Amino acid sequence: MIAILRSPEVNDQLARQGFEPIGSSPVQLASHLKSELTKWAKVVRVSGARVD
């Protein structure tokens, strides 16, 4: 999967659609998700957003 994401054709096509293909290890993905969760949880808390 990483090799496919790094291929110029796939990478260019995804970039044109607004994606940022990264292609990393499961450990790196877990770390990224944890940091994103922390960041967005704070945004939700400060904004007072609620699910209706």
PDB file of N, CA and C in Angstrom:
ATOM      1  N   MET A   1       0.826  -1.191   0.000  1.00  0.00           N
ATOM      2  CA  MET A   1       0.000   0.000   0.000  1.00  0.00           C
ATOM      3  C   MET A   1       0.869   1.253   0.000  1.00  0.00           C
ATOM      4  N   ILE A   2       1.931   1.237   0.782  1.00  0.00           N
ATOM      5  CA  ILE A   2       2.825   2.394   0.847  1.00  0.00           C
ATOM      6  C   ILE A   2       3.460   2.653  -0.514  1.00  0.00           C
ATOM      7  N   ALA A   3       3.886   1.580  -1.176  1.00  0.00           N
ATOM      8  CA  ALA A   3       4.499   1.732  -2.500  1.00  0.00           C
ATOM      9  C   ALA A   3       3.509   2.359  -3.484  1.00  0.00           C
ATOM     10  N   ILE A   4       2.263   1.970  -3.406  1.00  0.00           N
ATOM     11  CA  ILE A   4       1.238   2.528  -4.292  1.00  0.00           C
ATOM     12  C   ILE A   4       1.038   4.011  -3.993  1.00  0.00           C
ATOM     13  N   LEU A   5       0.922   4.361  -2.716  1.00  0.00           N
ATOM     14  CA  LEU A   5       0.726   5.768  -2.354  1.00  0.00           C
ATOM     15  C   LEU A   5       1.900   6.647  -2.758  1.00  0.00           C
ATOM     16  N   ARG A   6       3.086   6.065  -2.790  1.00  0.00           N
ATOM     17  CA  ARG A   6       4.278   6.833  -3.158  1.00  0.00           C
ATOM     18  C   ARG A   6       4.515   6.894  -4.655  1.00  0.00           C
ATOM     19  N   SER A   7       3.757   6.142  -5.437  1.00  0.00           N
ATOM     20  CA  SER A   7       3.950   6.194  -6.878  1.00  0.00           C
ATOM     21  C   SER A   7       3.507   7.569  -7.376  1.00  0.00           C
ATOM     22  N   PRO A   8       4.257   8.159  -8.298  1.00  0.00           N
ATOM     23  CA  PRO A   8       3.940   9.508  -8.773  1.00  0.00           C
ATOM     24  C   PRO A   8       2.528   9.640  -9.332  1.00  0.00           C
ATOM     25  N   GLU A   9       2.063   8.629 -10.048  1.00  0.00           N
ATOM     26  CA  GLU A   9       0.722   8.716 -10.646  1.00  0.00           C
ATOM     27  C   GLU A   9      -0.361   8.802  -9.583  1.00  0.00           C
ATOM     28  N   VAL A  10      -0.305   7.907  -8.615  1.00  0.00           N
ATOM     29  CA  VAL A  10      -1.327   7.877  -7.561  1.00  0.00           C
ATOM     30  C   VAL A  10      -1.201   9.118  -6.683  1.00  0.00           C
ATOM     31  N   ASN A  11       0.027   9.472  -6.322  1.00  0.00           N
ATOM     32  CA  ASN A  11       0.260  10.633  -5.479  1.00  0.00           C
ATOM     33  C   ASN A  11      -0.280  11.898  -6.135  1.00  0.00           C
ATOM     34  N   ASP A  12      -0.008  12.089  -7.408  1.00  0.00           N
ATOM     35  CA  ASP A  12      -0.500  13.272  -8.120  1.00  0.00           C
ATOM     36  C   ASP A  12      -2.019  13.294  -8.203  1.00  0.00           C
ATOM     37  N   GLN A  13      -2.588  12.142  -8.504  1.00  0.00           N
ATOM     38  CA  GLN A  13      -4.053  12.071  -8.617  1.00  0.00           C
ATOM     39  C   GLN A  13      -4.715  12.389  -7.276  1.00  0.00           C
ATOM     40  N   LEU A  14      -4.210  11.841  -6.198  1.00  0.00           N
ATOM     41  CA  LEU A  14      -4.773  12.121  -4.874  1.00  0.00           C
ATOM     42  C   LEU A  14      -4.589  13.588  -4.499  1.00  0.00           C
ATOM     43  N   ALA A  15      -3.419  14.151  -4.795  1.00  0.00           N
ATOM     44  CA  ALA A  15      -3.157  15.560  -4.491  1.00  0.00           C
ATOM     45  C   ALA A  15      -4.124  16.470  -5.238  1.00  0.00           C
ATOM     46  N   ARG A  16      -4.439  16.150  -6.477  1.00  0.00           N
ATOM     47  CA  ARG A  16      -5.391  16.951  -7.252  1.00  0.00           C
ATOM     48  C   ARG A  16      -6.787  16.924  -6.636  1.00  0.00           C
ATOM     49  N   GLN A  17      -7.090  15.878  -5.880  1.00  0.00           N
ATOM     50  CA  GLN A  17      -8.389  15.751  -5.229  1.00  0.00           C
ATOM     51  C   GLN A  17      -8.377  16.310  -3.811  1.00  0.00           C
ATOM     52  N   GLY A  18      -7.238  16.890  -3.403  1.00  0.00           N
ATOM     53  CA  GLY A  18      -7.160  17.519  -2.093  1.00  0.00           C
ATOM     54  C   GLY A  18      -6.647  16.623  -0.977  1.00  0.00           C
ATOM     55  N   PHE A  19      -6.169  15.434  -1.316  1.00  0.00           N
ATOM     56  CA  PHE A  19      -5.637  14.522  -0.310  1.00  0.00           C
ATOM     57  C   PHE A  19      -4.144  14.728  -0.138  1.00  0.00           C
ATOM     58  N   GLU A  20      -3.653  14.423   1.053  1.00  0.00           N
ATOM     59  CA  GLU A  20      -2.218  14.423   1.319  1.00  0.00           C
ATOM     60  C   GLU A  20      -1.808  13.001   1.643  1.00  0.00           C
ATOM     61  N   PRO A  21      -1.475  12.205   0.639  1.00  0.00           N
ATOM     62  CA  PRO A  21      -1.092  10.822   0.910  1.00  0.00           C
ATOM     63  C   PRO A  21       0.207  10.772   1.700  1.00  0.00           C
ATOM     64  N   ILE A  22       0.181  10.042   2.803  1.00  0.00           N
ATOM     65  CA  ILE A  22       1.357   9.970   3.666  1.00  0.00           C
ATOM     66  C   ILE A  22       2.010   8.602   3.535  1.00  0.00           C
ATOM     67  N   GLY A  23       1.274   7.552   3.804  1.00  0.00           N
ATOM     68  CA  GLY A  23       1.820   6.198   3.720  1.00  0.00           C
ATOM     69  C   GLY A  23       2.888   5.987   4.768  1.00  0.00           C
ATOM     70  N   SER A  24       2.493   5.502   5.913  1.00  0.00           N
ATOM     71  CA  SER A  24       3.432   5.311   7.006  1.00  0.00           C
ATOM     72  C   SER A  24       3.161   3.986   7.700  1.00  0.00           C
ATOM     73  N   SER A  25       3.888   3.763   8.775  1.00  0.00           N
ATOM     74  CA  SER A  25       3.737   2.514   9.517  1.00  0.00           C
ATOM     75  C   SER A  25       2.513   2.581  10.434  1.00  0.00           C
ATOM     76  N   PRO A  26       2.059   1.444  10.933  1.00  0.00           N
ATOM     77  CA  PRO A  26       0.942   1.453  11.878  1.00  0.00           C
ATOM     78  C   PRO A  26       1.254   2.274  13.132  1.00  0.00           C
ATOM     79  N   VAL A  27       2.488   2.256  13.580  1.00  0.00           N
ATOM     80  CA  VAL A  27       2.875   3.031  14.773  1.00  0.00           C
ATOM     81  C   VAL A  27       2.774   4.527  14.480  1.00  0.00           C
ATOM     82  N   GLN A  28       3.230   4.933  13.297  1.00  0.00           N
ATOM     83  CA  GLN A  28       3.142   6.343  12.924  1.00  0.00           C
ATOM     84  C   GLN A  28       1.690   6.776  12.759  1.00  0.00           C
ATOM     85  N   LEU A  29       0.860   5.911  12.213  1.00  0.00           N
ATOM     86  CA  LEU A  29      -0.563   6.220  12.079  1.00  0.00           C
ATOM     87  C   LEU A  29      -1.201   6.395  13.452  1.00  0.00           C
ATOM     88  N   ALA A  30      -0.924   5.503  14.370  1.00  0.00           N
ATOM     89  CA  ALA A  30      -1.474   5.596  15.722  1.00  0.00           C
ATOM     90  C   ALA A  30      -1.049   6.899  16.393  1.00  0.00           C
ATOM     91  N   SER A  31       0.201   7.278  16.224  1.00  0.00           N
ATOM     92  CA  SER A  31       0.704   8.523  16.798  1.00  0.00           C
ATOM     93  C   SER A  31      -0.005   9.724  16.192  1.00  0.00           C
ATOM     94  N   HIS A  32      -0.180   9.711  14.880  1.00  0.00           N
ATOM     95  CA  HIS A  32      -0.868  10.810  14.194  1.00  0.00           C
ATOM     96  C   HIS A  32      -2.319  10.919  14.664  1.00  0.00           C
ATOM     97  N   LEU A  33      -3.001   9.787  14.749  1.00  0.00           N
ATOM     98  CA  LEU A  33      -4.402   9.801  15.195  1.00  0.00           C
ATOM     99  C   LEU A  33      -4.519  10.316  16.620  1.00  0.00           C
ATOM    100  N   LYS A  34      -3.603   9.922  17.483  1.00  0.00           N
ATOM    101  CA  LYS A  34      -3.622  10.386  18.878  1.00  0.00           C
ATOM    102  C   LYS A  34      -3.446  11.898  18.946  1.00  0.00           C
ATOM    103  N   SER A  35      -2.507  12.442  18.162  1.00  0.00           N
ATOM    104  CA  SER A  35      -2.291  13.889  18.189  1.00  0.00           C
ATOM    105  C   SER A  35      -3.489  14.641  17.607  1.00  0.00           C
ATOM    106  N   GLU A  36      -4.097  14.090  16.562  1.00  0.00           N
ATOM    107  CA  GLU A  36      -5.278  14.722  15.979  1.00  0.00           C
ATOM    108  C   GLU A  36      -6.453  14.699  16.956  1.00  0.00           C
ATOM    109  N   LEU A  37      -6.632  13.590  17.645  1.00  0.00           N
ATOM    110  CA  LEU A  37      -7.711  13.486  18.626  1.00  0.00           C
ATOM    111  C   LEU A  37      -7.536  14.519  19.728  1.00  0.00           C
ATOM    112  N   THR A  38      -6.318  14.660  20.212  1.00  0.00           N
ATOM    113  CA  THR A  38      -6.033  15.644  21.256  1.00  0.00           C
ATOM    114  C   THR A  38      -6.338  17.052  20.760  1.00  0.00           C
ATOM    115  N   LYS A  39      -5.876  17.377  19.562  1.00  0.00           N
ATOM    116  CA  LYS A  39      -6.077  18.715  18.993  1.00  0.00           C
ATOM    117  C   LYS A  39      -7.560  19.016  18.806  1.00  0.00           C
ATOM    118  N   TRP A  40      -8.282  18.114  18.169  1.00  0.00           N
ATOM    119  CA  TRP A  40      -9.686  18.389  17.857  1.00  0.00           C
ATOM    120  C   TRP A  40     -10.593  18.291  19.069  1.00  0.00           C
ATOM    121  N   ALA A  41     -10.225  17.487  20.052  1.00  0.00           N
ATOM    122  CA  ALA A  41     -11.008  17.432  21.292  1.00  0.00           C
ATOM    123  C   ALA A  41     -10.989  18.795  21.969  1.00  0.00           C
ATOM    124  N   LYS A  42      -9.837  19.444  21.954  1.00  0.00           N
ATOM    125  CA  LYS A  42      -9.728  20.782  22.546  1.00  0.00           C
ATOM    126  C   LYS A  42     -10.596  21.782  21.784  1.00  0.00           C
ATOM    127  N   VAL A  43     -10.587  21.719  20.477  1.00  0.00           N
ATOM    128  CA  VAL A  43     -11.402  22.618  19.655  1.00  0.00           C
ATOM    129  C   VAL A  43     -12.879  22.431  19.983  1.00  0.00           C
ATOM    130  N   VAL A  44     -13.312  21.189  20.080  1.00  0.00           N
ATOM    131  CA  VAL A  44     -14.721  20.906  20.395  1.00  0.00           C
ATOM    132  C   VAL A  44     -15.065  21.418  21.783  1.00  0.00           C
ATOM    133  N   ARG A  45     -14.187  21.175  22.740  1.00  0.00           N
ATOM    134  CA  ARG A  45     -14.426  21.627  24.116  1.00  0.00           C
ATOM    135  C   ARG A  45     -14.554  23.158  24.172  1.00  0.00           C
ATOM    136  N   VAL A  46     -13.613  23.856  23.568  1.00  0.00           N
ATOM    137  CA  VAL A  46     -13.602  25.328  23.608  1.00  0.00           C
ATOM    138  C   VAL A  46     -14.802  25.899  22.863  1.00  0.00           C
ATOM    139  N   SER A  47     -15.179  25.293  21.755  1.00  0.00           N
ATOM    140  CA  SER A  47     -16.292  25.822  20.954  1.00  0.00           C
ATOM    141  C   SER A  47     -17.654  25.510  21.568  1.00  0.00           C
ATOM    142  N   GLY A  48     -17.688  24.482  22.408  1.00  0.00           N
ATOM    143  CA  GLY A  48     -18.968  24.081  22.986  1.00  0.00           C
ATOM    144  C   GLY A  48     -19.846  23.303  22.009  1.00  0.00           C
ATOM    145  N   ALA A  49     -19.265  22.825  20.932  1.00  0.00           N
ATOM    146  CA  ALA A  49     -20.025  22.077  19.924  1.00  0.00           C
ATOM    147  C   ALA A  49     -20.661  20.837  20.542  1.00  0.00           C
ATOM    148  N   ARG A  50     -21.851  20.533  20.066  1.00  0.00           N
ATOM    149  CA  ARG A  50     -22.588  19.368  20.572  1.00  0.00           C
ATOM    150  C   ARG A  50     -23.203  18.609  19.403  1.00  0.00           C
ATOM    151  N   VAL A  51     -23.378  17.326  19.586  1.00  0.00           N
ATOM    152  CA  VAL A  51     -24.051  16.502  18.596  1.00  0.00           C
ATOM    153  C   VAL A  51     -25.541  16.526  18.911  1.00  0.00           C
ATOM    154  N   ASP A  52     -26.340  16.866  17.927  1.00  0.00           N
ATOM    155  CA  ASP A  52     -27.799  16.908  18.146  1.00  0.00           C
ATOM    156  C   ASP A  52     -28.444  15.651  17.643  1.00  0.00           C
TER     157      ASP A  52
END
